[in-house]
Each structure stands twice: as C-alpha cells, then as structure tokens.
Amino acid sequence: MSATQSLTLATAPISSSIASSEQPKVKPCCVCTDEKAARDECMLFSKSDNPQQDCQSMMSKYKSCMAGFGFQVA
C-alpha cells in the first residue's frame, strides 16, 4: 500500500463522521407536514361514525412517513 492510499483510508472515516455530526437532527413537528394535515383533516371532518377506521389509509401514510425519519408513532 502506498502512502497516499493509507492516507486516504485513514481520513475517510473521519470525514464521514464529521459529516454525520454536522447533519441537523429533524424534529417530529417539522416532517411529514402534508401527511399530518391530510390525516388531521380526515379525522376532524369525517362524516363516519368511526373516523379512525374511515381515515386508516391517511394514518398509515403518516405513520410510514414518520418511520422513514426514525420516529415511531403508536
């Protein structure tokens, strides 16, 4: 292995760890806003006797979007 190869290998993990630490953490209130708005609108204005069942697809979309950002919605 040449000196430049060992230098490249030695600095690669450092630069990737710096990049991940500089990446801002996402707040749950700031992601999936469109899905959340659609879910809320469906739940609030549903004419069904059981809005939770009526809006299940909207809730599933919201939960899967949040899971994509690492949040678990019960």
PDB file of N, CA and C in Angstrom:
ATOM      1  N   MET A   1       0.852  -1.168   0.000  1.00  0.00           N
ATOM      2  CA  MET A   1       0.000   0.000   0.000  1.00  0.00           C
ATOM      3  C   MET A   1       0.901   1.234   0.000  1.00  0.00           C
ATOM      4  N   SER A   2       0.561   2.211  -0.829  1.00  0.00           N
ATOM      5  CA  SER A   2       1.365   3.424  -0.902  1.00  0.00           C
ATOM      6  C   SER A   2       0.944   4.399   0.193  1.00  0.00           C
ATOM      7  N   ALA A   3       1.732   5.452   0.355  1.00  0.00           N
ATOM      8  CA  ALA A   3       1.459   6.445   1.403  1.00  0.00           C
ATOM      9  C   ALA A   3       0.140   7.169   1.144  1.00  0.00           C
ATOM     10  N   THR A   4      -0.188   7.461  -0.118  1.00  0.00           N
ATOM     11  CA  THR A   4      -1.442   8.161  -0.414  1.00  0.00           C
ATOM     12  C   THR A   4      -2.648   7.271  -0.164  1.00  0.00           C
ATOM     13  N   GLN A   5      -2.533   5.984  -0.425  1.00  0.00           N
ATOM     14  CA  GLN A   5      -3.648   5.082  -0.156  1.00  0.00           C
ATOM     15  C   GLN A   5      -3.919   4.989   1.339  1.00  0.00           C
ATOM     16  N   SER A   6      -2.869   4.872   2.133  1.00  0.00           N
ATOM     17  CA  SER A   6      -3.084   4.768   3.573  1.00  0.00           C
ATOM     18  C   SER A   6      -3.624   6.078   4.135  1.00  0.00           C
ATOM     19  N   LEU A   7      -3.217   7.202   3.555  1.00  0.00           N
ATOM     20  CA  LEU A   7      -3.736   8.494   3.996  1.00  0.00           C
ATOM     21  C   LEU A   7      -5.221   8.609   3.658  1.00  0.00           C
ATOM     22  N   THR A   8      -5.593   8.184   2.472  1.00  0.00           N
ATOM     23  CA  THR A   8      -6.988   8.234   2.063  1.00  0.00           C
ATOM     24  C   THR A   8      -7.847   7.345   2.950  1.00  0.00           C
ATOM     25  N   LEU A   9      -7.374   6.153   3.236  1.00  0.00           N
ATOM     26  CA  LEU A   9      -8.132   5.243   4.086  1.00  0.00           C
ATOM     27  C   LEU A   9      -8.247   5.775   5.510  1.00  0.00           C
ATOM     28  N   ALA A  10      -7.213   6.417   5.982  1.00  0.00           N
ATOM     29  CA  ALA A  10      -7.225   6.922   7.354  1.00  0.00           C
ATOM     30  C   ALA A  10      -8.149   8.130   7.503  1.00  0.00           C
ATOM     31  N   THR A  11      -8.275   8.958   6.470  1.00  0.00           N
ATOM     32  CA  THR A  11      -9.103  10.156   6.587  1.00  0.00           C
ATOM     33  C   THR A  11     -10.553   9.919   6.192  1.00  0.00           C
ATOM     34  N   ALA A  12     -10.849   8.872   5.470  1.00  0.00           N
ATOM     35  CA  ALA A  12     -12.225   8.627   5.033  1.00  0.00           C
ATOM     36  C   ALA A  12     -13.196   8.484   6.205  1.00  0.00           C
ATOM     37  N   PRO A  13     -12.902   7.674   7.225  1.00  0.00           N
ATOM     38  CA  PRO A  13     -13.854   7.581   8.338  1.00  0.00           C
ATOM     39  C   PRO A  13     -13.998   8.887   9.112  1.00  0.00           C
ATOM     40  N   ILE A  14     -12.944   9.665   9.176  1.00  0.00           N
ATOM     41  CA  ILE A  14     -13.008  10.931   9.900  1.00  0.00           C
ATOM     42  C   ILE A  14     -13.952  11.893   9.188  1.00  0.00           C
ATOM     43  N   SER A  15     -13.829  12.006   7.873  1.00  0.00           N
ATOM     44  CA  SER A  15     -14.676  12.940   7.147  1.00  0.00           C
ATOM     45  C   SER A  15     -16.133  12.497   7.172  1.00  0.00           C
ATOM     46  N   SER A  16     -16.409  11.196   7.137  1.00  0.00           N
ATOM     47  CA  SER A  16     -17.796  10.752   7.187  1.00  0.00           C
ATOM     48  C   SER A  16     -18.386  10.962   8.578  1.00  0.00           C
ATOM     49  N   SER A  17     -17.575  10.816   9.627  1.00  0.00           N
ATOM     50  CA  SER A  17     -18.105  11.052  10.971  1.00  0.00           C
ATOM     51  C   SER A  17     -18.353  12.535  11.205  1.00  0.00           C
ATOM     52  N   ILE A  18     -17.554  13.384  10.608  1.00  0.00           N
ATOM     53  CA  ILE A  18     -17.770  14.827  10.715  1.00  0.00           C
ATOM     54  C   ILE A  18     -19.053  15.205   9.981  1.00  0.00           C
ATOM     55  N   ALA A  19     -19.256  14.624   8.811  1.00  0.00           N
ATOM     56  CA  ALA A  19     -20.451  14.936   8.036  1.00  0.00           C
ATOM     57  C   ALA A  19     -21.712  14.523   8.782  1.00  0.00           C
ATOM     58  N   SER A  20     -21.686  13.376   9.446  1.00  0.00           N
ATOM     59  CA  SER A  20     -22.885  12.940  10.160  1.00  0.00           C
ATOM     60  C   SER A  20     -23.138  13.781  11.405  1.00  0.00           C
ATOM     61  N   SER A  21     -22.090  14.288  12.039  1.00  0.00           N
ATOM     62  CA  SER A  21     -22.300  15.102  13.230  1.00  0.00           C
ATOM     63  C   SER A  21     -22.765  16.511  12.874  1.00  0.00           C
ATOM     64  N   GLU A  22     -22.473  16.981  11.663  1.00  0.00           N
ATOM     65  CA  GLU A  22     -22.909  18.305  11.236  1.00  0.00           C
ATOM     66  C   GLU A  22     -24.342  18.289  10.717  1.00  0.00           C
ATOM     67  N   GLN A  23     -24.859  17.104  10.405  1.00  0.00           N
ATOM     68  CA  GLN A  23     -26.197  16.996   9.871  1.00  0.00           C
ATOM     69  C   GLN A  23     -27.207  17.301  10.981  1.00  0.00           C
ATOM     70  N   PRO A  24     -28.101  18.256  10.763  1.00  0.00           N
ATOM     71  CA  PRO A  24     -29.038  18.620  11.827  1.00  0.00           C
ATOM     72  C   PRO A  24     -30.044  17.506  12.087  1.00  0.00           C
ATOM     73  N   LYS A  25     -30.431  17.363  13.354  1.00  0.00           N
ATOM     74  CA  LYS A  25     -31.449  16.378  13.701  1.00  0.00           C
ATOM     75  C   LYS A  25     -32.811  16.972  13.367  1.00  0.00           C
ATOM     76  N   VAL A  26     -33.694  16.116  12.911  1.00  0.00           N
ATOM     77  CA  VAL A  26     -35.020  16.549  12.494  1.00  0.00           C
ATOM     78  C   VAL A  26     -35.985  16.426  13.670  1.00  0.00           C
ATOM     79  N   LYS A  27     -36.827  17.430  13.835  1.00  0.00           N
ATOM     80  CA  LYS A  27     -37.842  17.398  14.887  1.00  0.00           C
ATOM     81  C   LYS A  27     -39.119  16.774  14.319  1.00  0.00           C
ATOM     82  N   PRO A  28     -39.844  16.004  15.120  1.00  0.00           N
ATOM     83  CA  PRO A  28     -41.051  15.355  14.615  1.00  0.00           C
ATOM     84  C   PRO A  28     -42.117  16.341  14.129  1.00  0.00           C
ATOM     85  N   CYS A  29     -42.111  17.536  14.665  1.00  0.00           N
ATOM     86  CA  CYS A  29     -43.114  18.520  14.247  1.00  0.00           C
ATOM     87  C   CYS A  29     -42.837  19.083  12.855  1.00  0.00           C
ATOM     88  N   CYS A  30     -41.613  18.883  12.366  1.00  0.00           N
ATOM     89  CA  CYS A  30     -41.198  19.533  11.127  1.00  0.00           C
ATOM     90  C   CYS A  30     -41.167  18.599   9.923  1.00  0.00           C
ATOM     91  N   VAL A  31     -41.548  17.351  10.103  1.00  0.00           N
ATOM     92  CA  VAL A  31     -41.531  16.402   8.988  1.00  0.00           C
ATOM     93  C   VAL A  31     -42.945  15.901   8.727  1.00  0.00           C
ATOM     94  N   CYS A  32     -43.172  15.424   7.543  1.00  0.00           N
ATOM     95  CA  CYS A  32     -44.454  14.813   7.149  1.00  0.00           C
ATOM     96  C   CYS A  32     -45.631  15.765   7.354  1.00  0.00           C
ATOM     97  N   THR A  33     -45.420  17.032   7.088  1.00  0.00           N
ATOM     98  CA  THR A  33     -46.475  18.018   7.345  1.00  0.00           C
ATOM     99  C   THR A  33     -47.686  17.817   6.434  1.00  0.00           C
ATOM    100  N   ASP A  34     -47.460  17.435   5.179  1.00  0.00           N
ATOM    101  CA  ASP A  34     -48.587  17.211   4.265  1.00  0.00           C
ATOM    102  C   ASP A  34     -49.418  16.012   4.713  1.00  0.00           C
ATOM    103  N   GLU A  35     -48.723  14.932   5.098  1.00  0.00           N
ATOM    104  CA  GLU A  35     -49.417  13.730   5.561  1.00  0.00           C
ATOM    105  C   GLU A  35     -50.182  14.006   6.855  1.00  0.00           C
ATOM    106  N   LYS A  36     -49.560  14.793   7.737  1.00  0.00           N
ATOM    107  CA  LYS A  36     -50.211  15.128   9.012  1.00  0.00           C
ATOM    108  C   LYS A  36     -51.462  15.973   8.765  1.00  0.00           C
ATOM    109  N   ALA A  37     -51.372  16.938   7.857  1.00  0.00           N
ATOM    110  CA  ALA A  37     -52.517  17.799   7.561  1.00  0.00           C
ATOM    111  C   ALA A  37     -53.661  16.991   6.953  1.00  0.00           C
ATOM    112  N   ALA A  38     -53.328  16.082   6.042  1.00  0.00           N
ATOM    113  CA  ALA A  38     -54.362  15.244   5.429  1.00  0.00           C
ATOM    114  C   ALA A  38     -55.007  14.327   6.465  1.00  0.00           C
ATOM    115  N   ARG A  39     -54.197  13.760   7.349  1.00  0.00           N
ATOM    116  CA  ARG A  39     -54.712  12.894   8.417  1.00  0.00           C
ATOM    117  C   ARG A  39     -55.641  13.674   9.338  1.00  0.00           C
ATOM    118  N   ASP A  40     -55.196  14.852   9.771  1.00  0.00           N
ATOM    119  CA  ASP A  40     -55.994  15.669  10.684  1.00  0.00           C
ATOM    120  C   ASP A  40     -57.311  16.113  10.045  1.00  0.00           C
ATOM    121  N   GLU A  41     -57.235  16.521   8.789  1.00  0.00           N
ATOM    122  CA  GLU A  41     -58.444  16.954   8.088  1.00  0.00           C
ATOM    123  C   GLU A  41     -59.438  15.800   7.968  1.00  0.00           C
ATOM    124  N   CYS A  42     -58.932  14.632   7.647  1.00  0.00           N
ATOM    125  CA  CYS A  42     -59.796  13.464   7.534  1.00  0.00           C
ATOM    126  C   CYS A  42     -60.448  13.142   8.871  1.00  0.00           C
ATOM    127  N   MET A  43     -59.665  13.142   9.933  1.00  0.00           N
ATOM    128  CA  MET A  43     -60.201  12.802  11.259  1.00  0.00           C
ATOM    129  C   MET A  43     -61.213  13.851  11.743  1.00  0.00           C
ATOM    130  N   LEU A  44     -60.941  15.114  11.500  1.00  0.00           N
ATOM    131  CA  LEU A  44     -61.811  16.176  12.004  1.00  0.00           C
ATOM    132  C   LEU A  44     -63.118  16.312  11.230  1.00  0.00           C
ATOM    133  N   PHE A  45     -63.050  16.091   9.918  1.00  0.00           N
ATOM    134  CA  PHE A  45     -64.219  16.349   9.086  1.00  0.00           C
ATOM    135  C   PHE A  45     -64.868  15.085   8.537  1.00  0.00           C
ATOM    136  N   SER A  46     -64.516  13.942   9.080  1.00  0.00           N
ATOM    137  CA  SER A  46     -65.106  12.683   8.637  1.00  0.00           C
ATOM    138  C   SER A  46     -66.578  12.631   9.045  1.00  0.00           C
ATOM    139  N   LYS A  47     -67.416  12.172   8.142  1.00  0.00           N
ATOM    140  CA  LYS A  47     -68.852  12.034   8.418  1.00  0.00           C
ATOM    141  C   LYS A  47     -69.169  10.639   8.964  1.00  0.00           C
ATOM    142  N   SER A  48     -68.147   9.816   9.085  1.00  0.00           N
ATOM    143  CA  SER A  48     -68.316   8.441   9.534  1.00  0.00           C
ATOM    144  C   SER A  48     -68.556   8.371  11.040  1.00  0.00           C
ATOM    145  N   ASP A  49     -69.199   7.298  11.465  1.00  0.00           N
ATOM    146  CA  ASP A  49     -69.364   7.054  12.899  1.00  0.00           C
ATOM    147  C   ASP A  49     -68.041   6.675  13.543  1.00  0.00           C
ATOM    148  N   ASN A  50     -67.125   6.150  12.736  1.00  0.00           N
ATOM    149  CA  ASN A  50     -65.816   5.727  13.231  1.00  0.00           C
ATOM    150  C   ASN A  50     -64.722   6.376  12.369  1.00  0.00           C
ATOM    151  N   PRO A  51     -64.353   7.630  12.658  1.00  0.00           N
ATOM    152  CA  PRO A  51     -63.357   8.334  11.839  1.00  0.00           C
ATOM    153  C   PRO A  51     -62.004   7.629  11.787  1.00  0.00           C
ATOM    154  N   GLN A  52     -61.649   6.943  12.866  1.00  0.00           N
ATOM    155  CA  GLN A  52     -60.355   6.260  12.884  1.00  0.00           C
ATOM    156  C   GLN A  52     -60.308   5.172  11.813  1.00  0.00           C
ATOM    157  N   GLN A  53     -61.399   4.450  11.656  1.00  0.00           N
ATOM    158  CA  GLN A  53     -61.448   3.407  10.633  1.00  0.00           C
ATOM    159  C   GLN A  53     -61.561   4.040   9.247  1.00  0.00           C
ATOM    160  N   ASP A  54     -62.330   5.099   9.131  1.00  0.00           N
ATOM    161  CA  ASP A  54     -62.529   5.781   7.859  1.00  0.00           C
ATOM    162  C   ASP A  54     -61.226   6.389   7.332  1.00  0.00           C
ATOM    163  N   CYS A  55     -60.356   6.841   8.222  1.00  0.00           N
ATOM    164  CA  CYS A  55     -59.116   7.530   7.841  1.00  0.00           C
ATOM    165  C   CYS A  55     -57.881   6.643   7.989  1.00  0.00           C
ATOM    166  N   GLN A  56     -58.075   5.340   8.020  1.00  0.00           N
ATOM    167  CA  GLN A  56     -56.966   4.412   8.241  1.00  0.00           C
ATOM    168  C   GLN A  56     -55.852   4.584   7.205  1.00  0.00           C
ATOM    169  N   SER A  57     -56.193   4.812   5.945  1.00  0.00           N
ATOM    170  CA  SER A  57     -55.159   4.958   4.912  1.00  0.00           C
ATOM    171  C   SER A  57     -54.319   6.215   5.144  1.00  0.00           C
ATOM    172  N   MET A  58     -54.962   7.294   5.568  1.00  0.00           N
ATOM    173  CA  MET A  58     -54.228   8.533   5.869  1.00  0.00           C
ATOM    174  C   MET A  58     -53.306   8.334   7.065  1.00  0.00           C
ATOM    175  N   MET A  59     -53.798   7.620   8.067  1.00  0.00           N
ATOM    176  CA  MET A  59     -52.989   7.362   9.253  1.00  0.00           C
ATOM    177  C   MET A  59     -51.795   6.474   8.909  1.00  0.00           C
ATOM    178  N   SER A  60     -52.000   5.504   8.042  1.00  0.00           N
ATOM    179  CA  SER A  60     -50.909   4.613   7.628  1.00  0.00           C
ATOM    180  C   SER A  60     -49.835   5.377   6.863  1.00  0.00           C
ATOM    181  N   LYS A  61     -50.255   6.277   5.983  1.00  0.00           N
ATOM    182  CA  LYS A  61     -49.293   7.090   5.232  1.00  0.00           C
ATOM    183  C   LYS A  61     -48.468   7.956   6.180  1.00  0.00           C
ATOM    184  N   TYR A  62     -49.128   8.543   7.165  1.00  0.00           N
ATOM    185  CA  TYR A  62     -48.436   9.394   8.130  1.00  0.00           C
ATOM    186  C   TYR A  62     -47.452   8.575   8.960  1.00  0.00           C
ATOM    187  N   LYS A  63     -47.882   7.419   9.440  1.00  0.00           N
ATOM    188  CA  LYS A  63     -47.010   6.564  10.251  1.00  0.00           C
ATOM    189  C   LYS A  63     -45.798   6.094   9.462  1.00  0.00           C
ATOM    190  N   SER A  64     -45.997   5.715   8.198  1.00  0.00           N
ATOM    191  CA  SER A  64     -44.858   5.253   7.398  1.00  0.00           C
ATOM    192  C   SER A  64     -43.908   6.402   7.071  1.00  0.00           C
ATOM    193  N   CYS A  65     -44.443   7.591   6.869  1.00  0.00           N
ATOM    194  CA  CYS A  65     -43.587   8.758   6.637  1.00  0.00           C
ATOM    195  C   CYS A  65     -42.741   9.050   7.871  1.00  0.00           C
ATOM    196  N   MET A  66     -43.360   9.045   9.034  1.00  0.00           N
ATOM    197  CA  MET A  66     -42.633   9.297  10.281  1.00  0.00           C
ATOM    198  C   MET A  66     -41.583   8.217  10.535  1.00  0.00           C
ATOM    199  N   ALA A  67     -41.917   6.975  10.227  1.00  0.00           N
ATOM    200  CA  ALA A  67     -40.964   5.876  10.402  1.00  0.00           C
ATOM    201  C   ALA A  67     -39.751   6.076   9.503  1.00  0.00           C
ATOM    202  N   GLY A  68     -39.946   6.680   8.339  1.00  0.00           N
ATOM    203  CA  GLY A  68     -38.837   6.973   7.440  1.00  0.00           C
ATOM    204  C   GLY A  68     -37.834   7.948   8.041  1.00  0.00           C
ATOM    205  N   PHE A  69     -38.281   8.747   8.981  1.00  0.00           N
ATOM    206  CA  PHE A  69     -37.398   9.688   9.671  1.00  0.00           C
ATOM    207  C   PHE A  69     -36.935   9.157  11.023  1.00  0.00           C
ATOM    208  N   GLY A  70     -37.318   7.921  11.331  1.00  0.00           N
ATOM    209  CA  GLY A  70     -36.867   7.295  12.567  1.00  0.00           C
ATOM    210  C   GLY A  70     -37.788   7.484  13.757  1.00  0.00           C
ATOM    211  N   PHE A  71     -38.995   7.990  13.522  1.00  0.00           N
ATOM    212  CA  PHE A  71     -39.952   8.188  14.604  1.00  0.00           C
ATOM    213  C   PHE A  71     -40.980   7.069  14.583  1.00  0.00           C
ATOM    214  N   GLN A  72     -41.351   6.597  15.760  1.00  0.00           N
ATOM    215  CA  GLN A  72     -42.360   5.551  15.858  1.00  0.00           C
ATOM    216  C   GLN A  72     -43.632   6.150  16.432  1.00  0.00           C
ATOM    217  N   VAL A  73     -44.704   6.080  15.656  1.00  0.00           N
ATOM    218  CA  VAL A  73     -45.994   6.613  16.075  1.00  0.00           C
ATOM    219  C   VAL A  73     -46.872   5.432  16.472  1.00  0.00           C
ATOM    220  N   ALA A  74     -47.439   5.503  17.644  1.00  0.00           N
ATOM    221  CA  ALA A  74     -48.276   4.386  18.138  1.00  0.00           C
ATOM    222  C   ALA A  74     -49.646   4.413  17.523  1.00  0.00           C
TER     223      ALA A  74
END
